[in-house]
Amino acid sequence: MEHREDGLKKRYETSNPEFCMNFHRIGMALNCYCYNAAIHGFCNIGEPEIAMQVLTEMKSCGINPDTHSYSILVEGFCRRGNIERGDIDIANKLLEEMINNKLAPNASSYESLIHGYSKNGSSEKALEVFQYYDRRQYFAKYCYLQLDRK
């Protein structure tokens, strides 16, 4: 019996080139919320790379990602937190891309990075992100808890 996560992954991978076109053909337009749901689903099953493909497709279909789109991905890569794969670096680049696209990162974006660095023993980097976050007057009790955990 196939696991639900494997089915989701396989279905997306086999239909990827025509994913949004199939919906357009039957008169259904995908919006940012639909894409965010797919991004969230793939991040939840530990597949942030596939979630990145969804983001790329979203852009190619003319749908602009929002703060939530990027925050989900930042959290997905930080939650997996594999330093060898470059997960935290990718999360940082996504945060930069978000800012370059004139989108304001939310508390979740920064909290995910703080957690990712803390989880991997990079307390100094976590503190650096926190200080940057704090200077911009984003205050969240959760950030203190993440730093305090280590």
C-alpha atoms as a PDB file:
ATOM      1  CA  MET A   1       0.000   0.000   0.000  1.00  0.00           C
ATOM      2  CA  GLU A   2       1.383   3.350  -1.041  1.00  0.00           C
ATOM      3  CA  HIS A   3       1.794   6.052   1.597  1.00  0.00           C
ATOM      4  CA  ARG A   4      -0.157   9.251   1.088  1.00  0.00           C
ATOM      5  CA  GLU A   5       3.082  11.271   0.969  1.00  0.00           C
ATOM      6  CA  ASP A   6       4.555   9.044  -1.747  1.00  0.00           C
ATOM      7  CA  GLY A   7       1.362   9.377  -3.776  1.00  0.00           C
ATOM      8  CA  LEU A   8       1.405  13.171  -3.476  1.00  0.00           C
ATOM      9  CA  LYS A   9       5.040  13.306  -4.535  1.00  0.00           C
ATOM     10  CA  LYS A  10       4.590  10.878  -7.443  1.00  0.00           C
ATOM     11  CA  ARG A  11       1.453  12.607  -8.716  1.00  0.00           C
ATOM     12  CA  TYR A  12       3.169  16.013  -8.771  1.00  0.00           C
ATOM     13  CA  GLU A  13       6.372  14.696 -10.355  1.00  0.00           C
ATOM     14  CA  THR A  14       4.528  12.914 -13.169  1.00  0.00           C
ATOM     15  CA  SER A  15       2.193  15.797 -13.964  1.00  0.00           C
ATOM     16  CA  ASN A  16       4.527  18.697 -13.197  1.00  0.00           C
ATOM     17  CA  PRO A  17       5.065  20.018 -16.750  1.00  0.00           C
ATOM     18  CA  GLU A  18       1.323  20.433 -17.279  1.00  0.00           C
ATOM     19  CA  PHE A  19       0.142  20.874 -13.696  1.00  0.00           C
ATOM     20  CA  CYS A  20      -1.262  24.392 -14.001  1.00  0.00           C
ATOM     21  CA  MET A  21      -2.197  23.938 -17.677  1.00  0.00           C
ATOM     22  CA  ASN A  22      -4.478  21.002 -16.773  1.00  0.00           C
ATOM     23  CA  PHE A  23      -6.436  23.239 -14.432  1.00  0.00           C
ATOM     24  CA  HIS A  24      -6.654  26.047 -17.007  1.00  0.00           C
ATOM     25  CA  ARG A  25      -7.912  23.593 -19.647  1.00  0.00           C
ATOM     26  CA  ILE A  26     -10.922  22.668 -17.522  1.00  0.00           C
ATOM     27  CA  GLY A  27     -11.597  26.298 -16.679  1.00  0.00           C
ATOM     28  CA  MET A  28     -10.088  26.342 -13.192  1.00  0.00           C
ATOM     29  CA  ALA A  29      -7.610  29.057 -12.388  1.00  0.00           C
ATOM     30  CA  LEU A  30      -5.126  28.386  -9.632  1.00  0.00           C
ATOM     31  CA  ASN A  31      -4.428  31.277  -7.313  1.00  0.00           C
ATOM     32  CA  CYS A  32      -1.798  32.022  -4.707  1.00  0.00           C
ATOM     33  CA  TYR A  33      -3.761  30.159  -2.023  1.00  0.00           C
ATOM     34  CA  CYS A  34      -3.850  26.967  -4.118  1.00  0.00           C
ATOM     35  CA  TYR A  35      -0.113  27.089  -4.729  1.00  0.00           C
ATOM     36  CA  ASN A  36       0.583  27.876  -1.070  1.00  0.00           C
ATOM     37  CA  ALA A  37      -1.418  24.788  -0.084  1.00  0.00           C
ATOM     38  CA  ALA A  38       0.731  22.635  -2.389  1.00  0.00           C
ATOM     39  CA  ILE A  39       3.947  24.254  -1.102  1.00  0.00           C
ATOM     40  CA  HIS A  40       2.807  23.642   2.468  1.00  0.00           C
ATOM     41  CA  GLY A  41       1.933  20.016   1.701  1.00  0.00           C
ATOM     42  CA  PHE A  42       5.349  19.225   0.255  1.00  0.00           C
ATOM     43  CA  CYS A  43       7.171  20.981   3.087  1.00  0.00           C
ATOM     44  CA  ASN A  44       5.106  19.006   5.604  1.00  0.00           C
ATOM     45  CA  ILE A  45       6.248  15.697   4.111  1.00  0.00           C
ATOM     46  CA  GLY A  46       9.895  16.809   4.161  1.00  0.00           C
ATOM     47  CA  GLU A  47      10.177  17.643   0.458  1.00  0.00           C
ATOM     48  CA  PRO A  48      11.034  21.349   0.327  1.00  0.00           C
ATOM     49  CA  GLU A  49      12.810  20.890  -3.042  1.00  0.00           C
ATOM     50  CA  ILE A  50       9.540  19.842  -4.650  1.00  0.00           C
ATOM     51  CA  ALA A  51       7.864  22.767  -2.874  1.00  0.00           C
ATOM     52  CA  MET A  52      10.473  25.012  -4.563  1.00  0.00           C
ATOM     53  CA  GLN A  53       9.444  23.539  -7.931  1.00  0.00           C
ATOM     54  CA  VAL A  54       5.860  24.497  -7.120  1.00  0.00           C
ATOM     55  CA  LEU A  55       7.031  28.064  -6.360  1.00  0.00           C
ATOM     56  CA  THR A  56       8.881  28.174  -9.693  1.00  0.00           C
ATOM     57  CA  GLU A  57       5.808  26.904 -11.526  1.00  0.00           C
ATOM     58  CA  MET A  58       3.652  29.410  -9.672  1.00  0.00           C
ATOM     59  CA  LYS A  59       5.819  32.252 -10.978  1.00  0.00           C
ATOM     60  CA  SER A  60       5.860  30.835 -14.525  1.00  0.00           C
ATOM     61  CA  CYS A  61       2.032  30.764 -14.497  1.00  0.00           C
ATOM     62  CA  GLY A  62       1.998  34.476 -13.655  1.00  0.00           C
ATOM     63  CA  ILE A  63       1.017  34.089  -9.999  1.00  0.00           C
ATOM     64  CA  ASN A  64       3.073  36.267  -7.657  1.00  0.00           C
ATOM     65  CA  PRO A  65       4.176  34.510  -4.472  1.00  0.00           C
ATOM     66  CA  ASP A  66       3.261  36.305  -1.262  1.00  0.00           C
ATOM     67  CA  THR A  67       4.964  36.518   2.126  1.00  0.00           C
ATOM     68  CA  HIS A  68       3.243  33.309   3.173  1.00  0.00           C
ATOM     69  CA  SER A  69       4.602  31.427   0.115  1.00  0.00           C
ATOM     70  CA  TYR A  70       8.166  32.276   1.089  1.00  0.00           C
ATOM     71  CA  SER A  71       7.634  31.805   4.830  1.00  0.00           C
ATOM     72  CA  ILE A  72       6.331  28.274   4.285  1.00  0.00           C
ATOM     73  CA  LEU A  73       9.460  27.418   2.292  1.00  0.00           C
ATOM     74  CA  VAL A  74      11.818  29.048   4.804  1.00  0.00           C
ATOM     75  CA  GLU A  75      10.175  27.003   7.542  1.00  0.00           C
ATOM     76  CA  GLY A  76      10.277  23.824   5.425  1.00  0.00           C
ATOM     77  CA  PHE A  77      14.013  24.056   4.807  1.00  0.00           C
ATOM     78  CA  CYS A  78      14.778  25.096   8.398  1.00  0.00           C
ATOM     79  CA  ARG A  79      12.632  22.333   9.857  1.00  0.00           C
ATOM     80  CA  ARG A  80      14.558  19.739   7.863  1.00  0.00           C
ATOM     81  CA  GLY A  81      17.711  21.677   8.751  1.00  0.00           C
ATOM     82  CA  ASN A  82      20.247  19.530   6.912  1.00  0.00           C
ATOM     83  CA  ILE A  83      23.456  21.602   6.867  1.00  0.00           C
ATOM     84  CA  GLU A  84      25.146  19.279   4.318  1.00  0.00           C
ATOM     85  CA  ARG A  85      22.279  19.826   1.872  1.00  0.00           C
ATOM     86  CA  GLY A  86      22.512  23.568   2.424  1.00  0.00           C
ATOM     87  CA  ASP A  87      18.998  23.837   3.851  1.00  0.00           C
ATOM     88  CA  ILE A  88      19.723  26.849   6.060  1.00  0.00           C
ATOM     89  CA  ASP A  89      21.569  28.625   3.232  1.00  0.00           C
ATOM     90  CA  ILE A  90      18.596  28.038   0.930  1.00  0.00           C
ATOM     91  CA  ALA A  91      16.253  29.383   3.621  1.00  0.00           C
ATOM     92  CA  ASN A  92      18.418  32.513   3.900  1.00  0.00           C
ATOM     93  CA  LYS A  93      18.360  33.000   0.119  1.00  0.00           C
ATOM     94  CA  LEU A  94      14.576  32.655   0.120  1.00  0.00           C
ATOM     95  CA  LEU A  95      14.349  35.340   2.801  1.00  0.00           C
ATOM     96  CA  GLU A  96      16.579  37.614   0.685  1.00  0.00           C
ATOM     97  CA  GLU A  97      14.464  36.907  -2.410  1.00  0.00           C
ATOM     98  CA  MET A  98      11.346  37.778  -0.427  1.00  0.00           C
ATOM     99  CA  ILE A  99      12.847  41.116   0.612  1.00  0.00           C
ATOM    100  CA  ASN A 100      14.114  41.807  -2.945  1.00  0.00           C
ATOM    101  CA  ASN A 101      10.555  41.225  -4.189  1.00  0.00           C
ATOM    102  CA  LYS A 102       9.376  43.971  -1.816  1.00  0.00           C
ATOM    103  CA  LEU A 103       7.626  41.505   0.499  1.00  0.00           C
ATOM    104  CA  ALA A 104       7.969  42.010   4.241  1.00  0.00           C
ATOM    105  CA  PRO A 105       9.113  38.900   6.105  1.00  0.00           C
ATOM    106  CA  ASN A 106       6.865  38.009   9.008  1.00  0.00           C
ATOM    107  CA  ALA A 107       7.706  36.710  12.467  1.00  0.00           C
ATOM    108  CA  SER A 108       7.481  33.126  11.228  1.00  0.00           C
ATOM    109  CA  SER A 109      10.208  33.746   8.638  1.00  0.00           C
ATOM    110  CA  TYR A 110      12.715  34.937  11.207  1.00  0.00           C
ATOM    111  CA  GLU A 111      11.651  32.450  13.869  1.00  0.00           C
ATOM    112  CA  SER A 112      12.225  29.578  11.454  1.00  0.00           C
ATOM    113  CA  LEU A 113      15.762  30.770  10.710  1.00  0.00           C
ATOM    114  CA  ILE A 114      16.515  31.207  14.402  1.00  0.00           C
ATOM    115  CA  HIS A 115      15.235  27.705  15.074  1.00  0.00           C
ATOM    116  CA  GLY A 116      17.196  26.275  12.126  1.00  0.00           C
ATOM    117  CA  TYR A 117      20.469  27.785  13.291  1.00  0.00           C
ATOM    118  CA  SER A 118      19.844  26.813  16.926  1.00  0.00           C
ATOM    119  CA  LYS A 119      18.967  23.247  15.952  1.00  0.00           C
ATOM    120  CA  ASN A 120      22.296  22.941  14.158  1.00  0.00           C
ATOM    121  CA  GLY A 121      24.380  24.400  16.968  1.00  0.00           C
ATOM    122  CA  SER A 122      24.948  27.759  15.286  1.00  0.00           C
ATOM    123  CA  SER A 123      23.948  29.876  18.266  1.00  0.00           C
ATOM    124  CA  GLU A 124      25.965  32.863  17.040  1.00  0.00           C
ATOM    125  CA  LYS A 125      24.118  32.933  13.705  1.00  0.00           C
ATOM    126  CA  ALA A 126      20.795  32.480  15.532  1.00  0.00           C
ATOM    127  CA  LEU A 127      21.635  35.448  17.738  1.00  0.00           C
ATOM    128  CA  GLU A 128      22.659  37.489  14.680  1.00  0.00           C
ATOM    129  CA  VAL A 129      19.282  36.824  13.036  1.00  0.00           C
ATOM    130  CA  PHE A 130      17.504  37.631  16.293  1.00  0.00           C
ATOM    131  CA  GLN A 131      19.343  40.957  16.659  1.00  0.00           C
ATOM    132  CA  TYR A 132      18.512  41.886  13.070  1.00  0.00           C
ATOM    133  CA  TYR A 133      14.916  40.902  13.734  1.00  0.00           C
ATOM    134  CA  ASP A 134      14.803  42.815  17.020  1.00  0.00           C
ATOM    135  CA  ARG A 135      16.277  45.991  15.439  1.00  0.00           C
ATOM    136  CA  ARG A 136      13.345  46.067  13.074  1.00  0.00           C
ATOM    137  CA  GLN A 137      11.008  46.058  16.045  1.00  0.00           C
ATOM    138  CA  TYR A 138       9.604  42.627  15.291  1.00  0.00           C
ATOM    139  CA  PHE A 139       9.060  41.229  18.722  1.00  0.00           C
ATOM    140  CA  ALA A 140       8.078  37.658  19.371  1.00  0.00           C
ATOM    141  CA  LYS A 141       8.295  35.723  22.590  1.00  0.00           C
ATOM    142  CA  TYR A 142       8.895  32.617  20.483  1.00  0.00           C
ATOM    143  CA  CYS A 143      12.280  33.981  19.347  1.00  0.00           C
ATOM    144  CA  TYR A 144      13.447  34.204  22.924  1.00  0.00           C
ATOM    145  CA  LEU A 145      12.276  30.657  23.535  1.00  0.00           C
ATOM    146  CA  GLN A 146      14.201  29.376  20.515  1.00  0.00           C
ATOM    147  CA  LEU A 147      17.412  31.051  21.663  1.00  0.00           C
ATOM    148  CA  ASP A 148      16.845  29.874  25.214  1.00  0.00           C
ATOM    149  CA  ARG A 149      16.451  26.229  24.140  1.00  0.00           C
ATOM    150  CA  LYS A 150      20.112  25.848  23.204  1.00  0.00           C
END
